[in-house]
Amino acid sequence: MASPSACWDSRPGRVPARAAWLILALLAAVPARAEPTRQQLQNAEAARAAQLAAGREAAERLRAAQAEAQKLTAARVAAAAQLRGLEIATTDAAAAMDRLAQRRAAAQERLAARAADLGPLLPLIERLSLFPAETLLVVPAPPEDALRGLLVLKGMARQLEADAEALHAEEAEVTRLSTQINAQETRLAAAQAAQSAQAAALDRQIAEARDRSQDAADDIAEASLRAAQQASKADSLRAALAQLELSRRQEEARAKAEAALAERQRQTEAAADAHRRQAALAAPAGPGLAEPHGQLGAPVAGTVVKAFGEPGDAGPATGISYQAPPAARVVAPCGGRVVFAGPFRSYGVLLILNCGGGYHFVLAGLERLDVQVGRPVQQGEPVGVMPSWDPRAPGARPDLYVELRRDGLLVNPAPFLRGRS
């Protein structure tokens, strides 16, 4: 048996013979990496080409869908603009009816007051007209008093005659105003019928757009919905806007982390999706607002009944209030993205549009919303409907409250908006 020193080479830099033999045996046991065959390379290249083709096809479908969506949105904007003209006609007819009704009510009050004044004197007037001398002789009085009474009665007769003429004039005014109101009623009915027909056509377009948007639900919409749910718990509108911005930043950071993880794991498609989501979250929701010079349309037809800063019971007004026609359509005053849509505190049904550049439009007082959280909107696109009311009946009219904020701070929206006021 050989001694251990026989297998050991003590010279510096030399590997022991037995150790070298073991290393060679281990290397022989490990199979050599096989070079990819030509077929495998061709298969891999074909798979990569198919993946690129699928990506291009998906991108083309997306571009086509976006183009179609923009076309349909433009059609809704045009339909809403046409409806705005019909709503203004309804408003004018209703306002004319209100003015005529107020004038008729005032004429009727004057008529009733004159009739009340003349009522007790009518028997005396009638007797004097038929038997003037006999009526005076019935009253026992000295001749000079009777003469004085006759003069007084003549003066009263002239005044009573003037009052009677005024009474007839008031009756004629009431009749004339009633005729005008009846004519205005016909005009109002025609305006309301035209408005209803156009609104029904627009509703069909909105329903089709809603179906399309449900089919094309994306991660951005889902993230926006989560943000809106968090904002609904805020105790003020400013806090809600701050929560919306915080949620957007958190979602952006999450998308960035997901993209980095997918890249490390060589998941190309998942990484691309995460990068697109990150870019969409980081990009402005809208074009922002230029310097205020009335470049935006009013969000609803009607008149301003309370201006920004106008004093009220709760202090100066923080927005603008519009008195709108019955069931008036509300449109987006700016292009951007819907970041909140639903009830909020004392505002009722609330809609918040992120216009970009830190600007947010707040609309409150709607009865129905036609847009969903997370969806982009164009300026002038219909977003909801105001409550209906009867122009023929007196009472309070519903208002649309409009507020503008930049980075959470109040801004007077009036210089940015054009339209009737």
Protein backbone atom coordinates (compact mmCIF):
# COMPACT_ATOMS: atom_id res chain seq x y z
CA MET A 1 0.00 0.00 0.00
CA ALA A 2 1.46 3.30 -0.96
CA SER A 3 2.06 5.75 1.76
CA PRO A 4 0.13 9.05 1.75
CA SER A 5 3.32 10.80 0.82
CA ALA A 6 3.42 8.85 -2.40
CA CYS A 7 0.30 10.66 -3.71
CA TRP A 8 1.42 14.03 -2.52
CA ASP A 9 3.68 16.35 -4.42
CA SER A 10 5.20 18.72 -1.94
CA ARG A 11 6.56 21.10 -4.54
CA PRO A 12 5.10 24.62 -4.34
CA GLY A 13 2.17 25.34 -6.72
CA ARG A 14 1.50 21.66 -7.35
CA VAL A 15 -1.92 20.04 -6.79
CA PRO A 16 -1.89 16.69 -5.01
CA ALA A 17 -2.31 13.84 -7.51
CA ARG A 18 -5.32 12.33 -5.76
CA ALA A 19 -7.05 15.70 -5.57
CA ALA A 20 -6.42 16.29 -9.24
CA TRP A 21 -7.86 12.90 -10.06
CA LEU A 22 -11.03 13.70 -8.07
CA ILE A 23 -11.47 17.04 -9.86
CA LEU A 24 -11.15 15.40 -13.25
CA ALA A 25 -13.71 12.75 -12.26
CA LEU A 26 -16.23 15.42 -11.17
CA LEU A 27 -15.77 17.38 -14.35
CA ALA A 28 -16.34 14.29 -16.40
CA ALA A 29 -19.57 13.58 -14.49
CA VAL A 30 -21.04 17.03 -15.36
CA PRO A 31 -22.63 16.95 -18.83
CA ALA A 32 -21.40 19.59 -21.21
CA ARG A 33 -23.94 22.32 -22.12
CA ALA A 34 -25.42 21.44 -25.45
CA GLU A 35 -25.33 24.15 -28.06
CA PRO A 36 -28.84 25.11 -29.35
CA THR A 37 -29.69 23.45 -32.56
CA ARG A 38 -30.65 25.30 -35.72
CA GLN A 39 -34.28 24.17 -35.25
CA GLN A 40 -34.39 25.50 -31.72
CA LEU A 41 -33.04 28.86 -32.86
CA GLN A 42 -35.62 29.02 -35.63
CA ASN A 43 -38.43 28.15 -33.20
CA ALA A 44 -37.29 30.83 -30.76
CA GLU A 45 -37.08 33.41 -33.53
CA ALA A 46 -40.55 32.46 -34.78
CA ALA A 47 -42.00 32.77 -31.27
CA ARG A 48 -40.42 36.19 -30.85
CA ALA A 49 -41.75 37.32 -34.24
CA ALA A 50 -45.24 36.06 -33.35
CA GLN A 51 -45.09 37.92 -30.04
CA LEU A 52 -44.06 41.16 -31.79
CA ALA A 53 -46.81 40.70 -34.38
CA ALA A 54 -49.37 40.13 -31.65
CA GLY A 55 -48.16 43.26 -29.88
CA ARG A 56 -48.45 45.31 -33.07
CA GLU A 57 -51.92 43.93 -33.71
CA ALA A 58 -53.01 44.72 -30.15
CA ALA A 59 -51.60 48.25 -30.47
CA GLU A 60 -53.44 48.72 -33.77
CA ARG A 61 -56.70 47.53 -32.23
CA LEU A 62 -56.15 49.92 -29.35
CA ARG A 63 -55.54 52.84 -31.72
CA ALA A 64 -58.67 51.95 -33.70
CA ALA A 65 -60.73 51.69 -30.52
CA GLN A 66 -59.41 55.04 -29.29
CA ALA A 67 -60.19 56.68 -32.63
CA GLU A 68 -63.73 55.29 -32.57
CA ALA A 69 -64.17 56.40 -28.97
CA GLN A 70 -63.03 59.92 -29.87
CA LYS A 71 -65.45 59.98 -32.80
CA LEU A 72 -68.35 58.92 -30.60
CA THR A 73 -67.34 61.42 -27.92
CA ALA A 74 -67.31 64.21 -30.51
CA ALA A 75 -70.81 63.15 -31.59
CA ARG A 76 -72.00 63.37 -27.97
CA VAL A 77 -70.43 66.80 -27.59
CA ALA A 78 -72.23 68.01 -30.74
CA ALA A 79 -75.53 66.52 -29.58
CA ALA A 80 -75.17 68.18 -26.18
CA ALA A 81 -74.47 71.54 -27.86
CA GLN A 82 -77.62 71.17 -29.96
CA LEU A 83 -79.57 70.24 -26.85
CA ARG A 84 -78.21 73.34 -25.11
CA GLY A 85 -80.02 75.54 -27.65
CA LEU A 86 -83.30 73.73 -27.00
CA GLU A 87 -82.81 74.06 -23.24
CA ILE A 88 -82.28 77.81 -23.65
CA ALA A 89 -85.57 78.00 -25.58
CA THR A 90 -87.28 76.19 -22.72
CA THR A 91 -85.68 78.58 -20.23
CA ASP A 92 -86.82 81.63 -22.19
CA ALA A 93 -90.38 80.31 -22.44
CA ALA A 94 -90.50 79.47 -18.74
CA ALA A 95 -89.09 82.89 -17.79
CA ALA A 96 -91.65 84.64 -20.01
CA MET A 97 -94.42 82.64 -18.37
CA ASP A 98 -93.13 83.65 -14.93
CA ARG A 99 -93.09 87.34 -15.87
CA LEU A 100 -96.60 87.20 -17.36
CA ALA A 101 -97.93 85.29 -14.37
CA GLN A 102 -96.46 87.88 -11.97
CA ARG A 103 -97.98 90.74 -13.95
CA ARG A 104 -101.37 88.99 -14.05
CA ALA A 105 -101.25 88.34 -10.31
CA ALA A 106 -100.49 92.03 -9.66
CA ALA A 107 -103.34 93.11 -11.97
CA GLN A 108 -105.72 90.75 -10.22
CA GLU A 109 -104.72 92.20 -6.84
CA ARG A 110 -105.38 95.73 -8.06
CA LEU A 111 -108.68 94.62 -9.53
CA ALA A 112 -109.74 93.02 -6.26
CA ALA A 113 -108.72 96.13 -4.27
CA ARG A 114 -110.74 98.46 -6.52
CA ALA A 115 -113.73 96.18 -6.39
CA ALA A 116 -113.54 96.12 -2.58
CA ASP A 117 -113.43 99.95 -2.46
CA LEU A 118 -116.37 100.37 -4.83
CA GLY A 119 -118.53 97.59 -3.42
CA PRO A 120 -120.22 99.48 -0.53
CA LEU A 121 -120.91 102.51 -2.74
CA LEU A 122 -122.54 100.63 -5.62
CA PRO A 123 -126.16 100.86 -4.24
CA LEU A 124 -125.79 104.63 -3.66
CA ILE A 125 -124.25 105.14 -7.07
CA GLU A 126 -127.07 103.26 -8.71
CA ARG A 127 -129.77 105.25 -6.83
CA LEU A 128 -128.14 108.58 -7.60
CA SER A 129 -127.89 107.71 -11.27
CA LEU A 130 -131.61 106.94 -11.38
CA PHE A 131 -133.11 109.38 -8.85
CA PRO A 132 -130.62 112.14 -8.00
CA ALA A 133 -133.10 114.79 -6.71
CA GLU A 134 -135.29 112.37 -4.78
CA THR A 135 -132.23 110.85 -3.11
CA LEU A 136 -131.05 114.24 -1.87
CA LEU A 137 -134.53 115.29 -0.66
CA VAL A 138 -134.84 112.12 1.39
CA VAL A 139 -131.98 113.30 3.59
CA PRO A 140 -133.31 115.90 6.15
CA ALA A 141 -130.86 118.81 5.98
CA PRO A 142 -130.83 122.59 5.42
CA PRO A 143 -130.81 123.72 1.77
CA GLU A 144 -127.20 124.92 1.93
CA ASP A 145 -126.10 121.50 3.25
CA ALA A 146 -128.07 119.76 0.54
CA LEU A 147 -126.37 121.94 -2.07
CA ARG A 148 -122.99 121.24 -0.55
CA GLY A 149 -123.82 117.52 -0.55
CA LEU A 150 -124.80 117.69 -4.19
CA LEU A 151 -121.43 119.20 -5.08
CA VAL A 152 -119.62 116.54 -3.08
CA LEU A 153 -121.62 113.82 -4.77
CA LYS A 154 -120.75 115.24 -8.18
CA GLY A 155 -117.08 115.09 -7.29
CA MET A 156 -117.50 111.54 -5.98
CA ALA A 157 -119.33 110.61 -9.16
CA ARG A 158 -116.42 111.81 -11.27
CA GLN A 159 -113.94 109.88 -9.08
CA LEU A 160 -116.14 106.81 -9.12
CA GLU A 161 -116.38 107.06 -12.89
CA ALA A 162 -112.57 107.19 -13.16
CA ASP A 163 -112.27 104.25 -10.77
CA ALA A 164 -114.74 102.28 -12.84
CA GLU A 165 -112.76 102.98 -15.99
CA ALA A 166 -109.55 101.87 -14.22
CA LEU A 167 -111.37 98.78 -13.05
CA HIS A 168 -112.35 97.93 -16.62
CA ALA A 169 -108.75 98.56 -17.73
CA GLU A 170 -107.43 96.16 -15.10
CA GLU A 171 -109.95 93.54 -16.20
CA ALA A 172 -108.81 93.99 -19.82
CA GLU A 173 -105.13 93.69 -18.72
CA VAL A 174 -105.83 90.45 -16.86
CA THR A 175 -107.61 89.06 -19.93
CA ARG A 176 -104.76 90.11 -22.24
CA LEU A 177 -102.09 88.59 -19.97
CA SER A 178 -104.08 85.37 -19.70
CA THR A 179 -104.16 85.15 -23.50
CA GLN A 180 -100.39 85.71 -23.68
CA ILE A 181 -99.80 83.06 -21.02
CA ASN A 182 -101.85 80.57 -23.01
CA ALA A 183 -99.78 81.33 -26.12
CA GLN A 184 -96.58 81.03 -24.11
CA GLU A 185 -97.82 77.71 -22.74
CA THR A 186 -97.98 76.37 -26.30
CA ARG A 187 -94.45 77.61 -26.99
CA LEU A 188 -93.16 76.05 -23.76
CA ALA A 189 -94.77 72.70 -24.57
CA ALA A 190 -93.16 72.69 -28.02
CA ALA A 191 -89.75 73.59 -26.56
CA GLN A 192 -90.02 70.86 -23.93
CA ALA A 193 -91.03 68.28 -26.55
CA ALA A 194 -88.02 69.19 -28.73
CA GLN A 195 -85.74 69.08 -25.70
CA SER A 196 -87.07 65.67 -24.64
CA ALA A 197 -86.58 64.20 -28.13
CA GLN A 198 -82.99 65.44 -28.36
CA ALA A 199 -82.28 64.29 -24.80
CA ALA A 200 -83.58 60.80 -25.59
CA ALA A 201 -81.26 60.56 -28.60
CA LEU A 202 -78.33 61.69 -26.47
CA ASP A 203 -79.23 59.16 -23.77
CA ARG A 204 -78.99 56.37 -26.35
CA GLN A 205 -75.50 57.52 -27.29
CA ILE A 206 -74.49 57.66 -23.62
CA ALA A 207 -75.83 54.14 -23.02
CA GLU A 208 -73.78 52.82 -25.95
CA ALA A 209 -70.67 54.57 -24.62
CA ARG A 210 -71.28 53.09 -21.16
CA ASP A 211 -71.48 49.58 -22.63
CA ARG A 212 -68.23 50.13 -24.50
CA SER A 213 -66.47 51.48 -21.44
CA GLN A 214 -67.55 48.48 -19.36
CA ASP A 215 -66.08 46.17 -21.97
CA ALA A 216 -62.86 48.16 -22.02
CA ALA A 217 -62.39 48.52 -18.25
CA ASP A 218 -58.71 49.08 -17.44
CA ASP A 219 -56.43 49.26 -14.45
CA ILE A 220 -56.50 53.06 -14.44
CA ALA A 221 -60.27 53.07 -13.92
CA GLU A 222 -59.95 50.54 -11.12
CA ALA A 223 -57.22 52.58 -9.43
CA SER A 224 -59.34 55.74 -9.76
CA LEU A 225 -62.30 53.96 -8.22
CA ARG A 226 -60.22 52.89 -5.23
CA ALA A 227 -59.01 56.48 -4.83
CA ALA A 228 -62.58 57.83 -4.99
CA GLN A 229 -63.70 55.39 -2.32
CA GLN A 230 -60.96 56.65 -0.03
CA ALA A 231 -61.79 60.30 -0.81
CA SER A 232 -65.47 59.77 0.02
CA LYS A 233 -64.46 59.30 3.67
CA ALA A 234 -62.82 62.74 3.90
CA ASP A 235 -64.43 65.36 6.13
CA SER A 236 -64.08 68.25 3.67
CA LEU A 237 -63.82 68.84 -0.06
CA ARG A 238 -60.24 70.06 0.24
CA ALA A 239 -59.30 66.93 2.19
CA ALA A 240 -61.00 64.78 -0.45
CA LEU A 241 -58.94 66.41 -3.21
CA ALA A 242 -55.77 65.87 -1.20
CA GLN A 243 -56.68 62.20 -0.73
CA LEU A 244 -57.27 61.81 -4.48
CA GLU A 245 -53.81 63.20 -5.24
CA LEU A 246 -52.19 61.00 -2.58
CA SER A 247 -53.87 57.90 -3.98
CA ARG A 248 -52.72 58.80 -7.50
CA ARG A 249 -49.11 59.05 -6.35
CA GLN A 250 -49.35 55.76 -4.47
CA GLU A 251 -50.77 53.99 -7.53
CA GLU A 252 -48.00 55.47 -9.67
CA ALA A 253 -45.34 54.18 -7.24
CA ARG A 254 -46.99 50.77 -7.21
CA ALA A 255 -46.98 50.58 -11.01
CA LYS A 256 -43.29 51.58 -11.05
CA ALA A 257 -42.42 48.82 -8.56
CA GLU A 258 -44.41 46.24 -10.55
CA ALA A 259 -42.59 47.23 -13.74
CA ALA A 260 -39.20 46.85 -12.07
CA LEU A 261 -40.14 43.42 -10.67
CA ALA A 262 -41.43 42.22 -14.05
CA GLU A 263 -38.22 43.35 -15.73
CA ARG A 264 -36.10 41.44 -13.21
CA GLN A 265 -38.20 38.35 -13.85
CA ARG A 266 -37.91 38.89 -17.63
CA GLN A 267 -41.70 39.18 -17.99
CA THR A 268 -41.66 41.51 -20.97
CA GLU A 269 -45.42 41.89 -21.48
CA ALA A 270 -46.16 42.45 -17.80
CA ALA A 271 -43.36 45.02 -17.59
CA ALA A 272 -44.73 46.89 -20.63
CA ASP A 273 -48.24 46.96 -19.11
CA ALA A 274 -46.89 48.28 -15.81
CA HIS A 275 -44.88 50.97 -17.58
CA ARG A 276 -47.96 52.08 -19.54
CA ARG A 277 -49.98 52.27 -16.32
CA GLN A 278 -47.22 54.24 -14.62
CA ALA A 279 -47.04 56.70 -17.52
CA ALA A 280 -50.83 57.15 -17.55
CA LEU A 281 -50.88 57.82 -13.80
CA ALA A 282 -47.97 60.25 -14.01
CA ALA A 283 -49.33 62.14 -17.03
CA PRO A 284 -51.68 65.11 -16.49
CA ALA A 285 -55.34 64.09 -16.46
CA GLY A 286 -56.17 66.97 -18.79
CA PRO A 287 -54.64 69.89 -20.67
CA GLY A 288 -54.96 72.21 -17.69
CA LEU A 289 -56.46 75.70 -17.83
CA ALA A 290 -54.91 78.65 -19.61
CA GLU A 291 -55.03 82.18 -18.29
CA PRO A 292 -58.63 83.09 -17.45
CA HIS A 293 -60.26 84.77 -20.43
CA GLY A 294 -63.51 82.86 -20.84
CA GLN A 295 -62.13 80.00 -22.92
CA LEU A 296 -64.46 77.43 -21.30
CA GLY A 297 -68.19 77.05 -21.84
CA ALA A 298 -70.68 77.21 -18.99
CA PRO A 299 -71.45 73.71 -17.69
CA VAL A 300 -75.23 74.18 -17.98
CA ALA A 301 -77.78 76.38 -19.73
CA GLY A 302 -79.37 78.97 -17.48
CA THR A 303 -78.51 82.10 -15.53
CA VAL A 304 -76.17 82.81 -12.64
CA VAL A 305 -78.22 83.30 -9.48
CA LYS A 306 -75.28 83.57 -7.06
CA ALA A 307 -71.82 84.83 -8.00
CA PHE A 308 -68.48 83.88 -6.49
CA GLY A 309 -67.88 85.76 -3.23
CA GLU A 310 -71.50 86.92 -2.92
CA PRO A 311 -72.50 87.16 0.76
CA GLY A 312 -74.87 84.54 2.15
CA ASP A 313 -76.01 82.94 5.39
CA ALA A 314 -72.94 80.69 5.47
CA GLY A 315 -70.52 83.44 4.42
CA PRO A 316 -69.21 84.45 0.97
CA ALA A 317 -70.07 82.04 -1.84
CA THR A 318 -67.16 79.73 -2.69
CA GLY A 319 -68.48 79.00 -6.18
CA ILE A 320 -71.08 79.97 -8.78
CA SER A 321 -74.71 78.79 -8.75
CA TYR A 322 -76.63 78.43 -12.02
CA GLN A 323 -80.42 78.20 -12.21
CA ALA A 324 -80.96 75.59 -14.91
CA PRO A 325 -83.93 74.59 -17.11
CA PRO A 326 -85.93 71.47 -16.20
CA ALA A 327 -83.83 68.30 -16.66
CA ALA A 328 -81.01 70.35 -18.18
CA ARG A 329 -77.95 68.49 -19.41
CA VAL A 330 -74.69 69.23 -17.57
CA VAL A 331 -71.49 69.13 -19.66
CA ALA A 332 -67.82 68.99 -18.71
CA PRO A 333 -66.42 72.54 -18.49
CA CYS A 334 -62.91 71.20 -19.22
CA GLY A 335 -61.22 68.18 -20.72
CA GLY A 336 -59.76 65.76 -18.20
CA ARG A 337 -60.58 62.71 -16.13
CA VAL A 338 -63.44 61.92 -13.74
CA VAL A 339 -61.88 61.39 -10.30
CA PHE A 340 -65.05 61.43 -8.17
CA ALA A 341 -68.70 60.76 -8.96
CA GLY A 342 -71.24 60.17 -6.22
CA PRO A 343 -72.75 61.55 -3.00
CA PHE A 344 -70.47 63.59 -0.74
CA ARG A 345 -71.39 65.24 2.54
CA SER A 346 -73.83 68.15 2.17
CA TYR A 347 -73.03 68.60 -1.54
CA GLY A 348 -75.44 65.86 -2.62
CA VAL A 349 -74.47 64.20 -5.89
CA LEU A 350 -70.96 65.47 -6.59
CA LEU A 351 -68.75 65.28 -9.67
CA ILE A 352 -65.04 66.18 -9.64
CA LEU A 353 -63.08 66.58 -12.89
CA ASN A 354 -59.28 66.67 -12.89
CA CYS A 355 -58.50 69.18 -15.64
CA GLY A 356 -54.72 68.87 -15.29
CA GLY A 357 -52.26 71.47 -14.06
CA GLY A 358 -53.58 71.08 -10.52
CA TYR A 359 -57.06 72.33 -11.52
CA HIS A 360 -60.23 70.54 -10.41
CA PHE A 361 -63.81 71.49 -11.32
CA VAL A 362 -66.44 70.54 -8.75
CA LEU A 363 -70.08 70.22 -9.86
CA ALA A 364 -72.90 69.62 -7.34
CA GLY A 365 -76.68 69.51 -7.45
CA LEU A 366 -77.10 66.95 -10.23
CA GLU A 367 -79.85 64.35 -10.14
CA ARG A 368 -78.11 61.82 -12.43
CA LEU A 369 -74.52 61.10 -13.43
CA ASP A 370 -73.66 59.77 -16.90
CA VAL A 371 -69.92 59.17 -16.41
CA GLN A 372 -67.88 56.78 -14.31
CA VAL A 373 -64.84 57.35 -12.14
CA GLY A 374 -61.56 56.98 -14.00
CA ARG A 375 -62.94 57.77 -17.46
CA PRO A 376 -61.55 60.61 -19.61
CA VAL A 377 -63.96 63.32 -20.79
CA GLN A 378 -63.73 66.03 -23.41
CA GLN A 379 -64.78 69.63 -22.89
CA GLY A 380 -68.50 69.91 -23.65
CA GLU A 381 -69.16 66.19 -23.20
CA PRO A 382 -72.39 65.45 -21.27
CA VAL A 383 -71.70 64.22 -17.74
CA GLY A 384 -75.10 64.33 -16.01
CA VAL A 385 -78.65 65.70 -15.75
CA MET A 386 -80.24 68.29 -13.48
CA PRO A 387 -83.54 67.64 -11.63
CA SER A 388 -86.78 68.32 -13.47
CA TRP A 389 -89.33 70.93 -12.37
CA ASP A 390 -92.59 72.40 -13.64
CA PRO A 391 -92.22 75.94 -15.06
CA ARG A 392 -95.97 76.46 -14.60
CA ALA A 393 -95.82 75.95 -10.83
CA PRO A 394 -94.28 78.43 -8.39
CA GLY A 395 -91.56 77.31 -6.02
CA ALA A 396 -87.83 76.89 -5.64
CA ARG A 397 -85.76 76.06 -8.70
CA PRO A 398 -82.82 73.61 -8.59
CA ASP A 399 -79.33 75.09 -8.92
CA LEU A 400 -76.05 73.70 -10.25
CA TYR A 401 -73.19 74.63 -7.95
CA VAL A 402 -69.81 75.04 -9.68
CA GLU A 403 -66.53 75.35 -7.82
CA LEU A 404 -62.97 75.59 -9.17
CA ARG A 405 -59.85 74.71 -7.19
CA ARG A 406 -56.15 74.78 -8.00
CA ASP A 407 -53.92 72.63 -5.81
CA GLY A 408 -56.84 72.46 -3.38
CA LEU A 409 -57.28 76.25 -3.08
CA LEU A 410 -60.41 78.11 -4.20
CA VAL A 411 -60.34 79.99 -7.50
CA ASN A 412 -63.08 82.21 -8.94
CA PRO A 413 -64.41 80.18 -11.91
CA ALA A 414 -66.21 83.12 -13.55
CA PRO A 415 -63.22 84.48 -15.55
CA PHE A 416 -62.66 81.01 -17.06
CA LEU A 417 -66.27 80.51 -18.17
CA ARG A 418 -68.26 82.09 -20.94
CA GLY A 419 -71.99 81.92 -21.61
CA ARG A 420 -75.20 83.43 -20.34
CA SER A 421 -75.14 84.88 -16.85
